[in-house]
Structure formats: C-alpha cells, structure tokens
Amino acid sequence: MEGCCGGVKKNSMFIYLISVIAALAGLLFGYDTGVISGAILFVKEYFHLSSVGVEMVVSVVLLGAVAGAATSGAVADGIGRRKTIIITAILFSVGALGSSVSDSVGVLVACRLLIGLAIGVASYTAPLYLSEVAPPHLRGGLVSLNQLMITIGIFASYMVDYALSGNNEWRWMFGLGVIPAVILVLGMIFLPETPRWLISKRKKEAALKILARVNPGRDVTVDLSEIETTLSQKEGSWKEVFQPWLRPALIVGIMLAFFQQVTGINTVIYYAPTIFQFAGFESAKVSILATAGIGLVNVLMTVVAVWLLDRLGRKPLLYIGLVGMAASLGFLGYAFQSAALSGAVKWITVASLVVYIASFAISLGPIFWLIIAEIYPLHVRGRAMSMATVANWLFNMLVAATFLTLIEKLGKAGTFWFFGIMSVICIAFSWRYVPETKGRTLEEIEAHLKKNTGMRGFGSL
C-alpha cells in the first residue's frame, strides 16, 4: 500500500510539473502583452513616434495574434500539441530578442508581429494541451492555471517595466521575455505528447503509456475507448456552424468577444501608464508602479473568479462585474471632465482603474472564454470557438489601434464614457441573450439550443 501511495504521489507531481511547464506559454502570453505598456513610454521618445506610430507598435502584436489564432488549430492537429508549443516558444524567444536589439521602427514592428503570432497560437494550444493531458478530476483547475498564468505574466511585465524604468531600459524590458521562453522550450522537449493526439495518429501504445502515468491506479483502457469514440465522431463542416439553430450561440460568442474589448480592457493593459500620465503622474516610473498595482489586483481577482464561477453562476458575476466596470468608467470620465476635481484626478484615476480591473477580472475576463467552451455542440465546437477567438483578437486590435485617436477625437472623458456606455449595453445583452450554464451538462445546453432556436429562447436557459 505504501508503494502504491508513493506511486500516486509521484505521478501527481508529474502532472503538476507538466502543467506548470505548459502554462509557461500563458505566462509568456501575459508578459509580452503587458510589457509594451511601460516600454512604449520610452520607445515613443526613442523613435519620435506620433500617436499613430504608437498605436501601430502596440496593435501590430494583435494582427499577429489574429493570424496565429486562425491557424493554430490546423498546426496543432498536424504536428501535435507538444511540437506546436515548442515552436511557439521559439517564436517568443526570437521576437523578444529581436525587439530588444531593434534599431528601427520597422524591425521593432516586425518582431512584435512575430510575438503576436506566438501569442495567437499559445492562446489556443496551451489550454488545449493542458485539457488533453490532465486527468479528469484535475482538469478544471489545471486548465484554469493557464488563465492565472496570463495574469501573472502581465503583472510580472509591469514589475519588470518598473524596475527598469529609471534608466529607460526599454530594450531589457523586451529582452527579458527570452528567459521564460527558453525554459518553455527546454521543458517541453522532455514532456509527452497528449494521448488524444497520439490516438488520432494511431499511436495507441504510446498513448496508453502516458494515460497510465497521468492516471495511476485507473483502468486506462476505458479512457482509451472514450477517446476513440469521441474521435470517431465526424467533425461538423463550416456549413453546419451556420445552421439556423446554431446561430444564437454563434452570435452570443462573437458579441461577448466584442463587448470584452469595446468596454476598454486592453486600453488599460496596453496603455495604463499613459492613462496615469494623462491624470497627472508626470514620472514614468511612478506611472508604471501604479500600473503594477493594477496588475496585482488582476491576478488576485482572477483567483476569486475561479472560486466563484461554479458557486454564484455566470450571469450574476457578469452583472456584478459589468455594473462595477460601468460605474468606474463613468466616474473616471467625470474626473477628467470636472475642473473642480483637477487636484484629485490622480487618485480618482487609481481608484477607478482598480475597481474597473477587479470588476473585469470576475466577469467578462474569464466568463467569455468559459461560455464559448460550453455553448457549442461537440461536433462544431472547434470551428465555432475558433471564430469567437479570432473575433476577440480582431476587436482587441481595433480598440488598441484607435485608443489614442479616440482620446484626440472624443477627449479623455468622452472616451471613458464611451467604454462605460458599452458596459451598460453589455448588461442588457447578457440579461436578454446570454444563457446561464452553471450546473448544466454540455448535452443539456445543446438540447436547449436545438429546442429554442431564437436568440431570446436561447438566453432563457
């Protein structure tokens, strides 16, 4: 019995080791997304960039992410999840190193585009790898580890920006992303491929060995049979994705992707130090330190969200978070607009952004990704989720590429009020059309979707 327990413990450690190494892709996603927020303050001065130039350097990553997200499924199915993550880590390494030695805007933009490609692939492949290699009783927690690592990566990038801001070391800000990327390459070399992919390539013996190692004491032939049954189901065509009975779910996924971005989240992720400078924090170092505080709140509230999602449900958390987002954005706009508050704008900005990021982290942040994983039938889930994911990156790019232009056209107050209005509209959309999936099996959700073909009917779940 002692040997058996020791074996189970040893294999549990193996699972956690696999998960931590694979989740480094999420950390890189977060780091290379967030590092630009501090670095851009110095890049702007170094290359004498206009507002349009700043928007290009920031948003080109998202253009790459769109391409990466659109092609990642085919690549991961073709060469395997493990090799795809290794290639992604190499792209992260080359992009980070290239960004750090850039001697022109063109080179920097090209390297950031490469990083964007890696981010797009990582956003799909890392959680896929984790979901396919984790045993059933640990799958939820280990897959959510990827989302947590993204927020940790963003926070880490803010702290690096702060530590290096005193000497304007923007090259090191970019370059330090090489370290976790190299660790990910080396770690993934020694990790196994997922059993599901191996079985899809008719490598049953190799798959059985991995299943036995990650599921000690379990009859893995049952798991093997279940995977084979799932793989035998014919994948739906693009035509099936657009069937009338599926359209409500498709619209909900794309609209949640839209609202996740047009409520302003990535203006905070990419431009928080710039926003703090708008508010009167003249020092780049102090602005970046305030941004690091926002990043820490994002990490902590993501942990809270993981704990609350299956307790309160999706829609109650959406309502709570969206109300907090709308209120904080409204007050932030008022602070920039009111001359009477000019002396307090700094601290109102800090408080408003803290409330905003906390509200987002428990609502639209995790719930968009969770909902699109739940509402699509199995035979079209891959295609439908890829559409929602690509839409998310496209809307992300649109917002990032127009934020400074919006500031110039609408003013600071008008821009934040616009994001606040979008939050209010999202509340109405969620109340009317987004289903409550808490406690429902995927089969129950699919049955409801087939029975209630209208948008309002789908939202009544």
Protein backbone atom coordinates (compact mmCIF):
# COMPACT_ATOMS: atom_id res chain seq x y z
CA MET A 1 0.00 0.00 0.00
CA GLU A 2 2.84 2.37 0.86
CA GLY A 3 4.43 1.82 -2.55
CA CYS A 4 1.12 2.39 -4.26
CA CYS A 5 0.51 5.69 -2.49
CA GLY A 6 4.07 6.73 -3.23
CA GLY A 7 3.46 5.97 -6.90
CA VAL A 8 0.24 8.01 -6.94
CA LYS A 9 2.01 10.91 -5.25
CA LYS A 10 4.91 10.67 -7.70
CA ASN A 11 2.55 10.67 -10.68
CA SER A 12 0.60 13.60 -9.22
CA MET A 13 3.84 15.54 -9.07
CA PHE A 14 4.45 14.59 -12.70
CA ILE A 15 1.06 16.05 -13.68
CA TYR A 16 1.74 19.28 -11.83
CA LEU A 17 5.18 19.52 -13.42
CA ILE A 18 3.65 19.07 -16.89
CA SER A 19 1.02 21.70 -16.13
CA VAL A 20 3.42 24.30 -14.77
CA ILE A 21 5.80 23.96 -17.72
CA ALA A 22 3.00 24.05 -20.32
CA ALA A 23 1.36 27.00 -18.55
CA LEU A 24 4.56 28.99 -19.12
CA ALA A 25 3.03 29.62 -22.55
CA GLY A 26 0.29 31.54 -20.73
CA LEU A 27 2.89 33.47 -18.73
CA LEU A 28 4.65 34.44 -21.98
CA PHE A 29 1.29 35.44 -23.45
CA GLY A 30 0.73 37.75 -20.48
CA TYR A 31 4.29 39.08 -20.29
CA ASP A 32 4.56 40.02 -23.97
CA THR A 33 1.05 41.50 -23.89
CA GLY A 34 1.70 43.68 -20.85
CA VAL A 35 5.36 44.70 -21.29
CA ILE A 36 4.52 47.17 -24.04
CA SER A 37 2.56 49.36 -21.59
CA GLY A 38 5.73 50.59 -19.87
CA ALA A 39 8.15 50.16 -22.74
CA ILE A 40 6.07 52.30 -25.11
CA LEU A 41 6.74 55.40 -22.98
CA PHE A 42 10.43 55.13 -23.85
CA VAL A 43 10.05 53.66 -27.34
CA LYS A 44 7.89 56.66 -28.24
CA GLU A 45 10.66 59.07 -27.27
CA TYR A 46 13.49 56.97 -28.73
CA PHE A 47 11.91 56.69 -32.20
CA HIS A 48 10.00 60.02 -32.00
CA LEU A 49 6.67 58.31 -32.66
CA SER A 50 3.37 60.08 -33.33
CA SER A 51 0.12 58.83 -31.79
CA VAL A 52 -0.48 56.75 -34.93
CA GLY A 53 3.05 55.31 -34.65
CA VAL A 54 2.45 54.36 -31.02
CA GLU A 55 -0.84 52.68 -31.93
CA MET A 56 0.94 50.73 -34.68
CA VAL A 57 3.70 49.45 -32.39
CA VAL A 58 1.12 48.42 -29.76
CA SER A 59 -1.52 46.92 -32.05
CA VAL A 60 0.69 45.04 -34.53
CA VAL A 61 1.00 42.29 -31.92
CA LEU A 62 -2.73 41.78 -32.24
CA LEU A 63 -2.55 41.48 -36.01
CA GLY A 64 -0.10 38.62 -35.49
CA ALA A 65 -2.37 37.13 -32.83
CA VAL A 66 -5.29 37.06 -35.27
CA ALA A 67 -3.17 35.10 -37.76
CA GLY A 68 -1.87 32.79 -35.03
CA ALA A 69 -5.31 32.06 -33.61
CA ALA A 70 -6.71 31.39 -37.09
CA THR A 71 -4.02 28.84 -38.00
CA SER A 72 -3.23 27.27 -34.61
CA GLY A 73 -5.88 24.54 -34.81
CA ALA A 74 -4.59 23.16 -38.11
CA VAL A 75 -0.96 23.33 -36.93
CA ALA A 76 -1.68 21.63 -33.59
CA ASP A 77 -3.65 18.87 -35.31
CA GLY A 78 -0.95 18.40 -37.95
CA ILE A 79 2.31 18.26 -35.96
CA GLY A 80 0.97 17.75 -32.44
CA ARG A 81 0.31 19.94 -29.41
CA ARG A 82 3.80 19.48 -27.92
CA LYS A 83 5.74 20.44 -31.05
CA THR A 84 3.42 23.39 -31.63
CA ILE A 85 4.16 24.75 -28.15
CA ILE A 86 7.91 24.27 -28.71
CA ILE A 87 7.74 26.23 -31.98
CA THR A 88 5.65 28.88 -30.26
CA ALA A 89 8.27 29.25 -27.53
CA ILE A 90 10.98 29.65 -30.18
CA LEU A 91 8.91 32.40 -31.81
CA PHE A 92 8.57 34.11 -28.43
CA SER A 93 12.37 33.90 -27.99
CA VAL A 94 13.21 35.29 -31.44
CA GLY A 95 10.58 38.04 -31.16
CA ALA A 96 11.72 39.14 -27.69
CA LEU A 97 15.40 39.13 -28.65
CA GLY A 98 14.72 40.95 -31.91
CA SER A 99 12.61 43.60 -30.17
CA SER A 100 15.40 44.23 -27.67
CA VAL A 101 18.02 44.97 -30.37
CA SER A 102 15.76 46.82 -32.83
CA ASP A 103 17.45 49.80 -34.47
CA SER A 104 14.41 50.96 -36.42
CA VAL A 105 10.64 51.10 -36.05
CA GLY A 106 10.30 48.65 -38.94
CA VAL A 107 12.41 45.99 -37.20
CA LEU A 108 10.55 46.53 -33.92
CA VAL A 109 7.17 46.21 -35.64
CA ALA A 110 8.28 43.02 -37.42
CA CYS A 111 9.47 41.46 -34.15
CA ARG A 112 6.29 42.46 -32.33
CA LEU A 113 4.30 40.90 -35.20
CA LEU A 114 6.22 37.66 -34.65
CA ILE A 115 5.42 37.79 -30.92
CA GLY A 116 1.77 38.34 -31.81
CA LEU A 117 1.80 35.21 -33.95
CA ALA A 118 3.19 33.28 -30.97
CA ILE A 119 0.54 34.76 -28.64
CA GLY A 120 -2.26 33.76 -31.02
CA VAL A 121 -1.02 30.17 -31.24
CA ALA A 122 -0.39 29.98 -27.47
CA SER A 123 -3.89 31.25 -26.67
CA TYR A 124 -5.32 28.13 -28.35
CA THR A 125 -2.67 25.44 -27.95
CA ALA A 126 -1.62 25.78 -24.31
CA PRO A 127 -5.10 25.23 -22.79
CA LEU A 128 -5.72 22.51 -25.38
CA TYR A 129 -2.57 20.65 -24.30
CA LEU A 130 -3.45 21.01 -20.62
CA SER A 131 -7.05 19.82 -21.13
CA GLU A 132 -5.94 16.75 -23.06
CA VAL A 133 -3.13 15.62 -20.76
CA ALA A 134 -4.77 16.32 -17.37
CA PRO A 135 -6.75 13.58 -15.58
CA PRO A 136 -10.49 14.30 -15.31
CA HIS A 137 -10.52 15.14 -11.59
CA LEU A 138 -7.81 17.78 -12.03
CA ARG A 139 -8.73 19.15 -15.46
CA GLY A 140 -10.70 22.22 -14.39
CA GLY A 141 -8.07 23.54 -12.00
CA LEU A 142 -5.12 22.78 -14.26
CA VAL A 143 -6.70 24.36 -17.34
CA SER A 144 -7.62 27.47 -15.32
CA LEU A 145 -3.95 27.62 -14.36
CA ASN A 146 -3.28 28.91 -17.88
CA GLN A 147 -5.58 31.92 -17.36
CA LEU A 148 -3.98 32.59 -14.00
CA MET A 149 -0.51 32.44 -15.55
CA ILE A 150 -1.57 35.02 -18.15
CA THR A 151 -2.46 37.49 -15.39
CA ILE A 152 0.78 36.65 -13.54
CA GLY A 153 2.70 37.29 -16.77
CA ILE A 154 1.03 40.69 -17.16
CA PHE A 155 1.86 41.56 -13.53
CA ALA A 156 5.45 40.37 -13.98
CA SER A 157 5.84 42.57 -17.07
CA TYR A 158 4.65 45.59 -15.09
CA MET A 159 7.16 44.89 -12.33
CA VAL A 160 9.98 44.49 -14.88
CA ASP A 161 8.91 47.76 -16.52
CA TYR A 162 9.02 49.47 -13.12
CA ALA A 163 12.41 48.03 -12.17
CA LEU A 164 13.98 49.13 -15.45
CA SER A 165 12.17 52.44 -15.93
CA GLY A 166 14.70 54.51 -14.01
CA ASN A 167 17.31 54.17 -16.77
CA ASN A 168 14.88 53.99 -19.71
CA GLU A 169 15.93 50.36 -20.33
CA TRP A 170 13.16 49.50 -22.77
CA ARG A 171 15.41 47.04 -24.61
CA TRP A 172 15.81 44.93 -21.46
CA MET A 173 12.05 45.11 -20.87
CA PHE A 174 11.52 43.30 -24.16
CA GLY A 175 14.62 41.10 -23.91
CA LEU A 176 13.88 39.51 -20.55
CA GLY A 177 10.96 37.69 -22.18
CA VAL A 178 13.58 35.35 -23.64
CA ILE A 179 14.15 33.69 -20.22
CA PRO A 180 10.72 32.02 -19.73
CA ALA A 181 10.61 31.26 -23.48
CA VAL A 182 13.88 29.28 -23.31
CA ILE A 183 12.68 27.49 -20.16
CA LEU A 184 9.49 26.54 -22.01
CA VAL A 185 11.45 25.17 -24.99
CA LEU A 186 13.71 23.08 -22.76
CA GLY A 187 10.84 21.88 -20.58
CA MET A 188 8.57 20.85 -23.44
CA ILE A 189 11.37 18.78 -25.02
CA PHE A 190 11.04 16.37 -22.07
CA LEU A 191 7.23 16.40 -21.80
CA PRO A 192 4.94 13.88 -23.53
CA GLU A 193 2.52 14.45 -26.38
CA THR A 194 -1.15 14.33 -25.43
CA PRO A 195 -2.88 10.90 -25.53
CA ARG A 196 -5.72 12.26 -27.66
CA TRP A 197 -3.40 13.44 -30.43
CA LEU A 198 -1.40 10.19 -30.34
CA ILE A 199 -4.58 8.15 -30.69
CA SER A 200 -5.70 10.33 -33.59
CA LYS A 201 -2.42 9.33 -35.28
CA ARG A 202 -2.96 5.64 -34.44
CA LYS A 203 -0.19 5.51 -31.82
CA LYS A 204 -2.18 3.60 -29.19
CA GLU A 205 0.75 2.07 -27.30
CA ALA A 206 2.38 5.43 -26.68
CA ALA A 207 -0.98 6.90 -25.67
CA LEU A 208 -1.64 4.08 -23.18
CA LYS A 209 1.73 4.64 -21.50
CA ILE A 210 1.00 8.34 -20.98
CA LEU A 211 -2.57 7.66 -19.80
CA ALA A 212 -1.22 5.17 -17.27
CA ARG A 213 1.33 7.64 -15.99
CA VAL A 214 -1.10 10.52 -15.53
CA ASN A 215 -3.91 8.29 -14.20
CA PRO A 216 -2.19 5.90 -11.74
CA GLY A 217 -4.43 3.13 -10.46
CA ARG A 218 -7.07 3.70 -13.15
CA ASP A 219 -8.15 1.32 -15.92
CA VAL A 220 -6.85 3.45 -18.78
CA THR A 221 -8.35 1.16 -21.43
CA VAL A 222 -11.69 2.82 -20.56
CA ASP A 223 -10.15 6.24 -21.21
CA LEU A 224 -8.70 4.92 -24.45
CA SER A 225 -12.11 3.69 -25.58
CA GLU A 226 -13.78 7.01 -24.71
CA ILE A 227 -11.17 8.98 -26.67
CA GLU A 228 -11.57 6.69 -29.68
CA THR A 229 -15.35 7.10 -29.54
CA THR A 230 -15.01 10.88 -29.43
CA LEU A 231 -12.54 10.90 -32.30
CA SER A 232 -14.84 8.69 -34.38
CA GLN A 233 -17.48 11.42 -34.39
CA LYS A 234 -17.35 13.32 -37.65
CA GLU A 235 -16.37 16.96 -37.27
CA GLY A 236 -19.03 19.36 -38.46
CA SER A 237 -18.46 21.45 -41.57
CA TRP A 238 -18.43 25.24 -41.75
CA LYS A 239 -21.89 24.99 -43.30
CA GLU A 240 -23.16 23.28 -40.14
CA VAL A 241 -21.71 26.06 -37.97
CA PHE A 242 -24.12 28.49 -39.63
CA GLN A 243 -27.25 26.37 -39.30
CA PRO A 244 -30.25 28.42 -38.04
CA TRP A 245 -30.47 26.55 -34.73
CA LEU A 246 -26.77 27.28 -34.02
CA ARG A 247 -26.83 30.97 -34.88
CA PRO A 248 -27.89 32.19 -31.42
CA ALA A 249 -24.87 30.51 -29.82
CA LEU A 250 -22.60 31.84 -32.55
CA ILE A 251 -23.93 35.38 -32.11
CA VAL A 252 -23.58 35.20 -28.30
CA GLY A 253 -19.93 34.12 -28.59
CA ILE A 254 -19.00 36.82 -31.10
CA MET A 255 -20.89 39.55 -29.23
CA LEU A 256 -19.24 38.65 -25.93
CA ALA A 257 -15.89 38.85 -27.75
CA PHE A 258 -16.95 42.30 -28.99
CA PHE A 259 -18.03 43.54 -25.56
CA GLN A 260 -14.93 42.13 -23.84
CA GLN A 261 -12.84 44.52 -25.96
CA VAL A 262 -15.04 47.60 -26.52
CA THR A 263 -15.55 48.01 -22.77
CA GLY A 264 -11.90 49.07 -22.74
CA ILE A 265 -9.92 46.33 -21.02
CA ASN A 266 -6.92 46.35 -23.30
CA THR A 267 -6.61 50.11 -23.22
CA VAL A 268 -5.80 49.50 -19.55
CA ILE A 269 -3.48 46.54 -20.23
CA TYR A 270 -1.57 48.32 -23.02
CA TYR A 271 -1.87 51.99 -22.03
CA ALA A 272 -2.26 52.13 -18.22
CA PRO A 273 0.97 54.15 -17.64
CA THR A 274 -0.14 56.54 -20.41
CA ILE A 275 -3.53 56.94 -18.70
CA PHE A 276 -1.80 57.68 -15.39
CA GLN A 277 0.32 60.32 -17.13
CA PHE A 278 -2.90 61.83 -18.51
CA ALA A 279 -4.07 62.04 -14.89
CA GLY A 280 -1.01 63.96 -13.76
CA PHE A 281 1.59 61.36 -12.78
CA GLU A 282 4.47 63.01 -14.61
CA SER A 283 7.11 60.42 -13.68
CA ALA A 284 7.18 57.37 -15.94
CA LYS A 285 8.47 55.31 -13.02
CA VAL A 286 5.55 56.27 -10.75
CA SER A 287 3.04 55.67 -13.57
CA ILE A 288 4.44 52.20 -14.14
CA LEU A 289 4.39 51.45 -10.38
CA ALA A 290 0.70 52.39 -10.26
CA THR A 291 0.15 50.08 -13.25
CA ALA A 292 1.87 47.23 -11.38
CA GLY A 293 -0.70 47.67 -8.62
CA ILE A 294 -3.45 47.26 -11.22
CA GLY A 295 -1.74 44.07 -12.45
CA LEU A 296 -1.67 42.64 -8.92
CA VAL A 297 -5.40 43.30 -8.50
CA ASN A 298 -5.98 41.50 -11.81
CA VAL A 299 -4.13 38.40 -10.53
CA LEU A 300 -5.92 38.30 -7.17
CA MET A 301 -9.40 38.83 -8.60
CA THR A 302 -8.84 36.16 -11.24
CA VAL A 303 -8.25 33.72 -8.37
CA VAL A 304 -11.52 34.93 -6.80
CA ALA A 305 -13.33 34.46 -10.12
CA VAL A 306 -12.15 30.84 -10.44
CA TRP A 307 -13.57 30.21 -6.94
CA LEU A 308 -16.90 31.98 -7.60
CA LEU A 309 -17.82 30.82 -11.11
CA ASP A 310 -19.35 27.49 -10.06
CA ARG A 311 -20.83 28.96 -6.87
CA LEU A 312 -22.64 32.13 -8.00
CA GLY A 313 -23.03 31.29 -11.68
CA ARG A 314 -22.01 33.04 -14.88
CA LYS A 315 -24.77 35.65 -15.25
CA PRO A 316 -24.74 37.00 -11.67
CA LEU A 317 -20.97 37.53 -11.94
CA LEU A 318 -21.45 39.20 -15.34
CA TYR A 319 -23.98 41.62 -13.84
CA ILE A 320 -21.84 42.42 -10.79
CA GLY A 321 -18.70 42.92 -12.86
CA LEU A 322 -20.32 44.96 -15.62
CA VAL A 323 -22.02 47.30 -13.14
CA GLY A 324 -18.64 47.85 -11.48
CA MET A 325 -17.00 48.49 -14.85
CA ALA A 326 -19.67 50.95 -15.98
CA ALA A 327 -19.60 52.85 -12.68
CA SER A 328 -15.80 53.09 -12.53
CA LEU A 329 -15.55 54.21 -16.17
CA GLY A 330 -18.28 56.80 -15.65
CA PHE A 331 -16.53 58.23 -12.61
CA LEU A 332 -13.16 58.18 -14.39
CA GLY A 333 -14.64 60.20 -17.26
CA TYR A 334 -16.21 62.63 -14.79
CA ALA A 335 -12.87 63.12 -13.04
CA PHE A 336 -11.16 64.05 -16.31
CA GLN A 337 -14.07 66.34 -17.26
CA SER A 338 -14.60 68.24 -13.98
CA ALA A 339 -12.29 71.17 -13.29
CA ALA A 340 -13.31 71.04 -9.63
CA LEU A 341 -11.68 67.62 -9.26
CA SER A 342 -8.44 68.51 -11.03
CA GLY A 343 -6.34 68.18 -7.88
CA ALA A 344 -7.75 64.74 -7.10
CA VAL A 345 -7.70 63.27 -10.63
CA LYS A 346 -4.56 61.22 -9.90
CA TRP A 347 -6.11 59.29 -7.05
CA ILE A 348 -9.57 59.04 -8.61
CA THR A 349 -7.86 57.50 -11.65
CA VAL A 350 -6.04 54.95 -9.49
CA ALA A 351 -9.21 54.04 -7.56
CA SER A 352 -11.34 53.87 -10.71
CA LEU A 353 -8.91 51.62 -12.56
CA VAL A 354 -8.59 49.32 -9.53
CA VAL A 355 -12.38 48.91 -9.39
CA TYR A 356 -12.53 48.52 -13.17
CA ILE A 357 -9.86 45.80 -13.41
CA ALA A 358 -11.29 43.94 -10.40
CA SER A 359 -14.77 44.02 -11.94
CA PHE A 360 -13.48 42.82 -15.30
CA ALA A 361 -11.42 40.02 -13.73
CA ILE A 362 -14.52 38.45 -12.14
CA SER A 363 -16.80 38.89 -15.14
CA LEU A 364 -16.03 39.41 -18.83
CA GLY A 365 -12.40 38.33 -18.39
CA PRO A 366 -12.91 34.63 -17.59
CA ILE A 367 -16.60 34.27 -18.50
CA PHE A 368 -16.18 34.93 -22.22
CA TRP A 369 -13.68 32.06 -22.52
CA LEU A 370 -15.79 29.79 -20.33
CA ILE A 371 -19.06 30.47 -22.16
CA ILE A 372 -17.63 29.78 -25.63
CA ALA A 373 -16.27 26.46 -24.33
CA GLU A 374 -19.73 25.47 -23.08
CA ILE A 375 -22.38 26.61 -25.57
CA TYR A 376 -21.23 24.95 -28.80
CA PRO A 377 -22.08 21.32 -29.68
CA LEU A 378 -19.13 18.94 -29.75
CA HIS A 379 -19.11 18.31 -33.49
CA VAL A 380 -18.65 22.03 -34.32
CA ARG A 381 -17.02 23.23 -31.11
CA GLY A 382 -13.57 23.62 -32.59
CA ARG A 383 -14.72 25.69 -35.57
CA ALA A 384 -17.18 27.82 -33.56
CA MET A 385 -14.67 28.53 -30.79
CA SER A 386 -12.04 29.48 -33.35
CA MET A 387 -14.46 32.01 -34.86
CA ALA A 388 -15.13 33.58 -31.47
CA THR A 389 -11.40 33.60 -30.64
CA VAL A 390 -10.41 35.26 -33.92
CA ALA A 391 -13.23 37.79 -33.45
CA ASN A 392 -11.88 38.55 -29.98
CA TRP A 393 -8.39 39.27 -31.35
CA LEU A 394 -9.82 41.40 -34.19
CA PHE A 395 -11.84 43.55 -31.77
CA ASN A 396 -8.79 43.70 -29.49
CA MET A 397 -6.70 45.04 -32.37
CA LEU A 398 -9.40 47.56 -33.31
CA VAL A 399 -9.54 49.03 -29.81
CA ALA A 400 -5.75 49.08 -29.30
CA ALA A 401 -5.22 50.71 -32.69
CA THR A 402 -7.74 53.51 -32.08
CA PHE A 403 -7.45 54.38 -28.36
CA LEU A 404 -5.15 57.40 -28.71
CA THR A 405 -7.13 58.56 -31.74
CA LEU A 406 -10.34 58.30 -29.68
CA ILE A 407 -8.68 60.39 -26.97
CA GLU A 408 -7.87 63.04 -29.58
CA LYS A 409 -11.38 62.99 -31.10
CA LEU A 410 -13.65 62.43 -28.07
CA GLY A 411 -11.38 63.69 -25.31
CA LYS A 412 -10.34 61.68 -22.25
CA ALA A 413 -13.73 61.92 -20.56
CA GLY A 414 -15.64 61.10 -23.75
CA THR A 415 -13.51 58.03 -24.44
CA PHE A 416 -14.04 56.51 -20.98
CA TRP A 417 -17.74 57.36 -21.09
CA PHE A 418 -17.94 55.53 -24.42
CA PHE A 419 -16.44 52.42 -22.81
CA GLY A 420 -18.87 52.83 -19.90
CA ILE A 421 -21.87 53.00 -22.25
CA MET A 422 -20.65 49.80 -23.92
CA SER A 423 -20.59 48.15 -20.47
CA VAL A 424 -24.23 49.15 -19.87
CA ILE A 425 -25.26 47.80 -23.29
CA CYS A 426 -23.45 44.54 -22.44
CA ILE A 427 -25.53 44.23 -19.25
CA ALA A 428 -28.71 44.42 -21.32
CA PHE A 429 -27.36 41.97 -23.89
CA SER A 430 -26.30 39.49 -21.18
CA TRP A 431 -29.67 39.69 -19.41
CA ARG A 432 -31.59 39.03 -22.61
CA TYR A 433 -29.42 36.65 -24.62
CA VAL A 434 -26.61 35.02 -22.61
CA PRO A 435 -27.62 31.63 -21.11
CA GLU A 436 -26.84 30.57 -17.55
CA THR A 437 -24.72 27.44 -17.95
CA LYS A 438 -23.93 26.82 -14.29
CA GLY A 439 -24.76 23.23 -13.31
CA ARG A 440 -25.80 22.28 -16.85
CA THR A 441 -24.20 19.44 -18.74
CA LEU A 442 -22.95 20.16 -22.24
CA GLU A 443 -25.64 17.81 -23.54
CA GLU A 444 -28.38 19.80 -21.72
CA ILE A 445 -27.08 23.05 -23.21
CA GLU A 446 -27.07 21.54 -26.70
CA ALA A 447 -30.62 20.18 -26.27
CA HIS A 448 -31.84 23.60 -25.13
CA LEU A 449 -30.15 25.23 -28.13
CA LYS A 450 -31.90 22.85 -30.54
CA LYS A 451 -35.28 23.35 -28.85
CA ASN A 452 -35.09 27.15 -28.61
CA THR A 453 -33.88 28.38 -32.00
CA GLY A 454 -34.40 32.10 -31.35
CA MET A 455 -31.95 34.42 -29.59
CA ARG A 456 -34.36 35.14 -26.72
CA GLY A 457 -35.18 31.46 -26.30
CA PHE A 458 -31.51 30.51 -26.07
CA GLY A 459 -30.93 33.20 -23.45
CA SER A 460 -33.72 31.79 -21.27
CA LEU A 461 -31.56 28.82 -20.21
